[in-house]
Amino acid sequence: MTGYVRAAQRREQLLTAAREVLVRDGLDELTLRAVAQQAGVHLSTLQYIFASRAELVRALAASIVANAGREEFVTGSEGLQVELRGAVEWYATQFLADPGILELIRFEVLTTARHRSMEGASRLPEDWPRMTTLIPARIQEICARADEEYSVPVADLTRLWTAGLVGLIHQLLCDADLERFHRDADLMADQLVRVADPRPRG
């Protein structure tokens, strides 16, 4: 049991060091050697816990996403206007407020751009927090749980919200102004509600 506890503690120590390297230097500089140096351990000690860089990166991504509140976000049933405002609040104060999340998204954006421009570019692991799947899933949950009808199809609302929010997130990557993101996203939510014109079902 003691050995397991020590291994678990060592794992968390290494993930903390990896996060520090990620935020400070970016994902391209996140090497096993850099993380071992940051943690103050021998490279062989790190490799005993994480056998490869890919394994370390997957564990780090999962840890950052969980700690940023993704697992705690709950879609309610109070209707499109209230729930969209709640989603904006969550993105602005929890998810995107985490510098580790922003660095993961920045790498995702750059990787996607490289992949479009040249063959053989590296791809993200499947469990990374892809904005293009997380955002539409949330609004579809909101619309499904709300006892409302809308003037436009939910699929159209989903596309509009996803495109707008992804654009604001990209802007945030260039200029890390969370207050502006919050204001702009609130305004976008209000506009989407006007387009949707929600009313009680039936």
C-alpha atoms as a PDB file:
ATOM      1  CA  MET A   1       0.000   0.000   0.000  1.00  0.00           C
ATOM      2  CA  THR A   2       2.817   2.386   0.881  1.00  0.00           C
ATOM      3  CA  GLY A   3       4.457   1.765  -2.475  1.00  0.00           C
ATOM      4  CA  TYR A   4       1.171   2.501  -4.279  1.00  0.00           C
ATOM      5  CA  VAL A   5       0.726   5.760  -2.363  1.00  0.00           C
ATOM      6  CA  ARG A   6       4.264   6.792  -3.191  1.00  0.00           C
ATOM      7  CA  ALA A   7       3.714   5.967  -6.868  1.00  0.00           C
ATOM      8  CA  ALA A   8       0.468   7.980  -6.915  1.00  0.00           C
ATOM      9  CA  GLN A   9       2.169  10.922  -5.208  1.00  0.00           C
ATOM     10  CA  ARG A  10       5.092  10.727  -7.616  1.00  0.00           C
ATOM     11  CA  ARG A  11       2.680  10.667 -10.548  1.00  0.00           C
ATOM     12  CA  GLU A  12       0.954  13.841  -9.319  1.00  0.00           C
ATOM     13  CA  GLN A  13       4.341  15.489  -8.719  1.00  0.00           C
ATOM     14  CA  LEU A  14       5.361  14.726 -12.309  1.00  0.00           C
ATOM     15  CA  LEU A  15       2.044  15.956 -13.734  1.00  0.00           C
ATOM     16  CA  THR A  16       2.419  19.188 -11.769  1.00  0.00           C
ATOM     17  CA  ALA A  17       5.912  19.644 -13.194  1.00  0.00           C
ATOM     18  CA  ALA A  18       4.654  18.833 -16.703  1.00  0.00           C
ATOM     19  CA  ARG A  19       1.911  21.433 -16.367  1.00  0.00           C
ATOM     20  CA  GLU A  20       4.482  24.041 -15.298  1.00  0.00           C
ATOM     21  CA  VAL A  21       6.620  23.268 -18.343  1.00  0.00           C
ATOM     22  CA  LEU A  22       3.549  23.356 -20.617  1.00  0.00           C
ATOM     23  CA  VAL A  23       2.347  26.749 -19.403  1.00  0.00           C
ATOM     24  CA  ARG A  24       5.833  28.274 -19.336  1.00  0.00           C
ATOM     25  CA  ASP A  25       7.347  26.853 -22.530  1.00  0.00           C
ATOM     26  CA  GLY A  26       4.498  25.413 -24.630  1.00  0.00           C
ATOM     27  CA  LEU A  27       3.736  21.862 -25.691  1.00  0.00           C
ATOM     28  CA  ASP A  28       6.565  21.609 -28.231  1.00  0.00           C
ATOM     29  CA  GLU A  29       9.058  21.994 -25.357  1.00  0.00           C
ATOM     30  CA  LEU A  30       7.276  19.459 -23.143  1.00  0.00           C
ATOM     31  CA  THR A  31       9.907  16.718 -23.202  1.00  0.00           C
ATOM     32  CA  LEU A  32      10.529  13.969 -20.686  1.00  0.00           C
ATOM     33  CA  ARG A  33      13.900  15.494 -19.883  1.00  0.00           C
ATOM     34  CA  ALA A  34      12.404  18.965 -19.294  1.00  0.00           C
ATOM     35  CA  VAL A  35       9.708  17.556 -17.004  1.00  0.00           C
ATOM     36  CA  ALA A  36      12.224  15.475 -15.043  1.00  0.00           C
ATOM     37  CA  GLN A  37      14.396  18.538 -14.564  1.00  0.00           C
ATOM     38  CA  GLN A  38      11.398  20.629 -13.467  1.00  0.00           C
ATOM     39  CA  ALA A  39      10.362  17.938 -10.975  1.00  0.00           C
ATOM     40  CA  GLY A  40      13.924  17.505  -9.685  1.00  0.00           C
ATOM     41  CA  VAL A  41      14.035  13.779 -10.420  1.00  0.00           C
ATOM     42  CA  HIS A  42      16.153  11.512 -12.599  1.00  0.00           C
ATOM     43  CA  LEU A  43      14.872  10.842 -16.103  1.00  0.00           C
ATOM     44  CA  SER A  44      14.672   7.126 -15.282  1.00  0.00           C
ATOM     45  CA  THR A  45      12.329   7.908 -12.369  1.00  0.00           C
ATOM     46  CA  LEU A  46       9.958   9.742 -14.701  1.00  0.00           C
ATOM     47  CA  GLN A  47      10.132   6.944 -17.277  1.00  0.00           C
ATOM     48  CA  TYR A  48       9.153   4.431 -14.612  1.00  0.00           C
ATOM     49  CA  ILE A  49       5.817   6.296 -14.231  1.00  0.00           C
ATOM     50  CA  PHE A  50       5.408   7.505 -17.831  1.00  0.00           C
ATOM     51  CA  ALA A  51       7.156   5.245 -20.312  1.00  0.00           C
ATOM     52  CA  SER A  52       6.846   7.713 -23.214  1.00  0.00           C
ATOM     53  CA  ARG A  53       6.161  11.334 -23.979  1.00  0.00           C
ATOM     54  CA  ALA A  54       2.837  10.374 -25.579  1.00  0.00           C
ATOM     55  CA  GLU A  55       1.753   8.663 -22.369  1.00  0.00           C
ATOM     56  CA  LEU A  56       2.736  11.721 -20.319  1.00  0.00           C
ATOM     57  CA  VAL A  57       0.916  14.104 -22.676  1.00  0.00           C
ATOM     58  CA  ARG A  58      -2.283  12.009 -22.557  1.00  0.00           C
ATOM     59  CA  ALA A  59      -2.215  11.921 -18.757  1.00  0.00           C
ATOM     60  CA  LEU A  60      -1.504  15.647 -18.563  1.00  0.00           C
ATOM     61  CA  ALA A  61      -4.340  16.534 -20.946  1.00  0.00           C
ATOM     62  CA  ALA A  62      -6.802  14.407 -18.950  1.00  0.00           C
ATOM     63  CA  SER A  63      -5.627  15.970 -15.693  1.00  0.00           C
ATOM     64  CA  ILE A  64      -5.896  19.546 -16.949  1.00  0.00           C
ATOM     65  CA  VAL A  65      -9.343  19.034 -18.458  1.00  0.00           C
ATOM     66  CA  ALA A  66     -10.677  17.453 -15.249  1.00  0.00           C
ATOM     67  CA  ASN A  67      -9.188  20.165 -13.055  1.00  0.00           C
ATOM     68  CA  ALA A  68     -10.548  22.923 -15.293  1.00  0.00           C
ATOM     69  CA  GLY A  69     -14.093  21.882 -14.413  1.00  0.00           C
ATOM     70  CA  ARG A  70     -15.187  19.973 -17.515  1.00  0.00           C
ATOM     71  CA  GLU A  71     -16.360  17.066 -15.392  1.00  0.00           C
ATOM     72  CA  GLU A  72     -18.282  19.426 -13.095  1.00  0.00           C
ATOM     73  CA  PHE A  73     -20.254  21.255 -15.804  1.00  0.00           C
ATOM     74  CA  VAL A  74     -23.910  20.264 -15.644  1.00  0.00           C
ATOM     75  CA  THR A  75     -26.434  21.247 -18.288  1.00  0.00           C
ATOM     76  CA  GLY A  76     -29.714  22.248 -16.659  1.00  0.00           C
ATOM     77  CA  SER A  77     -33.243  22.603 -18.017  1.00  0.00           C
ATOM     78  CA  GLU A  78     -33.977  26.279 -17.387  1.00  0.00           C
ATOM     79  CA  GLY A  79     -34.203  27.194 -21.053  1.00  0.00           C
ATOM     80  CA  LEU A  80     -31.891  28.498 -23.757  1.00  0.00           C
ATOM     81  CA  GLN A  81     -31.326  32.008 -22.370  1.00  0.00           C
ATOM     82  CA  VAL A  82     -30.431  30.969 -18.817  1.00  0.00           C
ATOM     83  CA  GLU A  83     -28.375  27.958 -19.867  1.00  0.00           C
ATOM     84  CA  LEU A  84     -26.352  29.786 -22.529  1.00  0.00           C
ATOM     85  CA  ARG A  85     -25.476  32.468 -19.977  1.00  0.00           C
ATOM     86  CA  GLY A  86     -24.437  29.672 -17.602  1.00  0.00           C
ATOM     87  CA  ALA A  87     -22.277  28.103 -20.303  1.00  0.00           C
ATOM     88  CA  VAL A  88     -20.568  31.441 -21.012  1.00  0.00           C
ATOM     89  CA  GLU A  89     -19.888  31.892 -17.294  1.00  0.00           C
ATOM     90  CA  TRP A  90     -18.341  28.422 -17.105  1.00  0.00           C
ATOM     91  CA  TYR A  91     -16.101  28.971 -20.127  1.00  0.00           C
ATOM     92  CA  ALA A  92     -14.983  32.407 -18.912  1.00  0.00           C
ATOM     93  CA  THR A  93     -14.399  31.661 -15.231  1.00  0.00           C
ATOM     94  CA  GLN A  94     -13.353  28.001 -15.216  1.00  0.00           C
ATOM     95  CA  PHE A  95     -12.488  26.257 -18.459  1.00  0.00           C
ATOM     96  CA  LEU A  96     -10.745  29.012 -20.419  1.00  0.00           C
ATOM     97  CA  ALA A  97      -9.419  30.737 -17.313  1.00  0.00           C
ATOM     98  CA  ASP A  98      -7.035  27.805 -16.908  1.00  0.00           C
ATOM     99  CA  PRO A  99      -3.698  28.604 -18.647  1.00  0.00           C
ATOM    100  CA  GLY A 100      -3.105  24.892 -19.231  1.00  0.00           C
ATOM    101  CA  ILE A 101      -6.359  24.612 -21.177  1.00  0.00           C
ATOM    102  CA  LEU A 102      -5.442  27.621 -23.302  1.00  0.00           C
ATOM    103  CA  GLU A 103      -2.082  26.074 -24.128  1.00  0.00           C
ATOM    104  CA  LEU A 104      -3.764  22.787 -25.110  1.00  0.00           C
ATOM    105  CA  ILE A 105      -6.213  24.639 -27.349  1.00  0.00           C
ATOM    106  CA  ARG A 106      -3.421  26.756 -28.844  1.00  0.00           C
ATOM    107  CA  PHE A 107      -1.561  23.592 -29.788  1.00  0.00           C
ATOM    108  CA  GLU A 108      -4.747  22.085 -31.212  1.00  0.00           C
ATOM    109  CA  VAL A 109      -5.338  25.137 -33.393  1.00  0.00           C
ATOM    110  CA  LEU A 110      -1.746  25.197 -34.633  1.00  0.00           C
ATOM    111  CA  THR A 111      -1.753  21.454 -35.273  1.00  0.00           C
ATOM    112  CA  THR A 112      -4.992  21.690 -37.253  1.00  0.00           C
ATOM    113  CA  ALA A 113      -3.549  24.536 -39.332  1.00  0.00           C
ATOM    114  CA  ARG A 114      -0.360  22.588 -40.018  1.00  0.00           C
ATOM    115  CA  HIS A 115      -2.353  19.476 -40.928  1.00  0.00           C
ATOM    116  CA  ARG A 116      -4.310  21.418 -43.530  1.00  0.00           C
ATOM    117  CA  SER A 117      -1.172  22.839 -45.099  1.00  0.00           C
ATOM    118  CA  MET A 118       1.092  19.803 -45.262  1.00  0.00           C
ATOM    119  CA  GLU A 119       0.961  16.038 -45.310  1.00  0.00           C
ATOM    120  CA  GLY A 120       2.005  14.002 -42.303  1.00  0.00           C
ATOM    121  CA  ALA A 121       1.563  16.645 -39.601  1.00  0.00           C
ATOM    122  CA  SER A 122       1.173  15.289 -36.085  1.00  0.00           C
ATOM    123  CA  ARG A 123      -2.350  14.830 -34.776  1.00  0.00           C
ATOM    124  CA  LEU A 124      -3.752  15.355 -31.332  1.00  0.00           C
ATOM    125  CA  PRO A 125      -4.686  12.375 -29.168  1.00  0.00           C
ATOM    126  CA  GLU A 126      -8.405  11.574 -29.411  1.00  0.00           C
ATOM    127  CA  ASP A 127      -9.061  12.488 -25.771  1.00  0.00           C
ATOM    128  CA  TRP A 128      -7.825  16.067 -26.070  1.00  0.00           C
ATOM    129  CA  PRO A 129     -10.445  18.782 -25.449  1.00  0.00           C
ATOM    130  CA  ARG A 130     -11.493  19.543 -28.998  1.00  0.00           C
ATOM    131  CA  MET A 131     -13.630  22.690 -29.088  1.00  0.00           C
ATOM    132  CA  THR A 132     -15.430  21.549 -32.217  1.00  0.00           C
ATOM    133  CA  THR A 133     -16.980  18.610 -30.340  1.00  0.00           C
ATOM    134  CA  LEU A 134     -17.349  20.038 -26.841  1.00  0.00           C
ATOM    135  CA  ILE A 135     -19.239  23.202 -27.824  1.00  0.00           C
ATOM    136  CA  PRO A 136     -21.969  21.695 -30.052  1.00  0.00           C
ATOM    137  CA  ALA A 137     -22.537  18.857 -27.590  1.00  0.00           C
ATOM    138  CA  ARG A 138     -23.294  21.391 -24.842  1.00  0.00           C
ATOM    139  CA  ILE A 139     -25.846  23.406 -26.812  1.00  0.00           C
ATOM    140  CA  GLN A 140     -27.547  20.254 -28.052  1.00  0.00           C
ATOM    141  CA  GLU A 141     -27.896  19.126 -24.421  1.00  0.00           C
ATOM    142  CA  ILE A 142     -29.324  22.521 -23.482  1.00  0.00           C
ATOM    143  CA  CYS A 143     -31.937  22.429 -26.251  1.00  0.00           C
ATOM    144  CA  ALA A 144     -32.841  18.791 -25.553  1.00  0.00           C
ATOM    145  CA  ARG A 145     -33.417  19.418 -21.834  1.00  0.00           C
ATOM    146  CA  ALA A 146     -35.378  22.662 -22.244  1.00  0.00           C
ATOM    147  CA  ASP A 147     -39.157  22.412 -22.603  1.00  0.00           C
ATOM    148  CA  GLU A 148     -39.043  24.883 -25.483  1.00  0.00           C
ATOM    149  CA  GLU A 149     -39.676  25.291 -29.170  1.00  0.00           C
ATOM    150  CA  TYR A 150     -37.537  27.495 -31.399  1.00  0.00           C
ATOM    151  CA  SER A 151     -38.087  29.519 -34.563  1.00  0.00           C
ATOM    152  CA  VAL A 152     -35.072  27.890 -36.214  1.00  0.00           C
ATOM    153  CA  PRO A 153     -33.865  24.263 -36.148  1.00  0.00           C
ATOM    154  CA  VAL A 154     -31.590  23.236 -33.285  1.00  0.00           C
ATOM    155  CA  ALA A 155     -28.995  22.171 -35.866  1.00  0.00           C
ATOM    156  CA  ASP A 156     -28.815  25.778 -37.108  1.00  0.00           C
ATOM    157  CA  LEU A 157     -28.510  27.124 -33.559  1.00  0.00           C
ATOM    158  CA  THR A 158     -25.729  24.623 -32.917  1.00  0.00           C
ATOM    159  CA  ARG A 159     -23.755  25.704 -35.986  1.00  0.00           C
ATOM    160  CA  LEU A 160     -24.132  29.413 -35.199  1.00  0.00           C
ATOM    161  CA  TRP A 161     -23.137  29.018 -31.553  1.00  0.00           C
ATOM    162  CA  THR A 162     -20.193  26.758 -32.352  1.00  0.00           C
ATOM    163  CA  ALA A 163     -18.805  29.021 -35.061  1.00  0.00           C
ATOM    164  CA  GLY A 164     -19.178  32.123 -32.894  1.00  0.00           C
ATOM    165  CA  LEU A 165     -17.695  30.657 -29.742  1.00  0.00           C
ATOM    166  CA  VAL A 166     -14.781  29.027 -31.564  1.00  0.00           C
ATOM    167  CA  GLY A 167     -14.053  32.418 -33.123  1.00  0.00           C
ATOM    168  CA  LEU A 168     -14.049  34.116 -29.713  1.00  0.00           C
ATOM    169  CA  ILE A 169     -11.776  31.401 -28.317  1.00  0.00           C
ATOM    170  CA  HIS A 170      -9.333  31.891 -31.190  1.00  0.00           C
ATOM    171  CA  GLN A 171      -9.351  35.613 -30.446  1.00  0.00           C
ATOM    172  CA  LEU A 172      -8.643  34.815 -26.804  1.00  0.00           C
ATOM    173  CA  LEU A 173      -5.600  32.784 -27.836  1.00  0.00           C
ATOM    174  CA  CYS A 174      -4.186  35.848 -29.595  1.00  0.00           C
ATOM    175  CA  ASP A 175      -5.057  38.302 -26.823  1.00  0.00           C
ATOM    176  CA  ALA A 176      -5.755  36.710 -23.443  1.00  0.00           C
ATOM    177  CA  ASP A 177      -8.471  39.153 -22.374  1.00  0.00           C
ATOM    178  CA  LEU A 178     -10.998  37.028 -20.482  1.00  0.00           C
ATOM    179  CA  GLU A 179     -13.184  39.993 -19.561  1.00  0.00           C
ATOM    180  CA  ARG A 180     -13.636  40.877 -23.220  1.00  0.00           C
ATOM    181  CA  PHE A 181     -14.314  37.227 -24.048  1.00  0.00           C
ATOM    182  CA  HIS A 182     -16.993  37.177 -21.321  1.00  0.00           C
ATOM    183  CA  ARG A 183     -18.670  40.347 -22.639  1.00  0.00           C
ATOM    184  CA  ASP A 184     -18.566  39.236 -26.265  1.00  0.00           C
ATOM    185  CA  ALA A 185     -19.825  35.742 -25.481  1.00  0.00           C
ATOM    186  CA  ASP A 186     -22.702  37.143 -23.402  1.00  0.00           C
ATOM    187  CA  LEU A 187     -23.643  39.409 -26.305  1.00  0.00           C
ATOM    188  CA  MET A 188     -23.477  36.477 -28.708  1.00  0.00           C
ATOM    189  CA  ALA A 189     -25.692  34.410 -26.397  1.00  0.00           C
ATOM    190  CA  ASP A 190     -28.289  37.201 -26.293  1.00  0.00           C
ATOM    191  CA  GLN A 191     -28.285  37.461 -30.085  1.00  0.00           C
ATOM    192  CA  LEU A 192     -28.687  33.705 -30.504  1.00  0.00           C
ATOM    193  CA  VAL A 193     -31.651  33.711 -28.105  1.00  0.00           C
ATOM    194  CA  ARG A 194     -33.281  36.474 -30.181  1.00  0.00           C
ATOM    195  CA  VAL A 195     -32.818  34.412 -33.340  1.00  0.00           C
ATOM    196  CA  ALA A 196     -34.121  31.265 -31.628  1.00  0.00           C
ATOM    197  CA  ASP A 197     -37.169  33.056 -30.142  1.00  0.00           C
ATOM    198  CA  PRO A 198     -37.736  30.331 -27.488  1.00  0.00           C
ATOM    199  CA  ARG A 199     -41.275  29.637 -26.305  1.00  0.00           C
ATOM    200  CA  PRO A 200     -42.862  26.919 -24.163  1.00  0.00           C
ATOM    201  CA  ARG A 201     -43.296  23.632 -25.982  1.00  0.00           C
ATOM    202  CA  GLY A 202     -46.855  22.841 -27.047  1.00  0.00           C
END
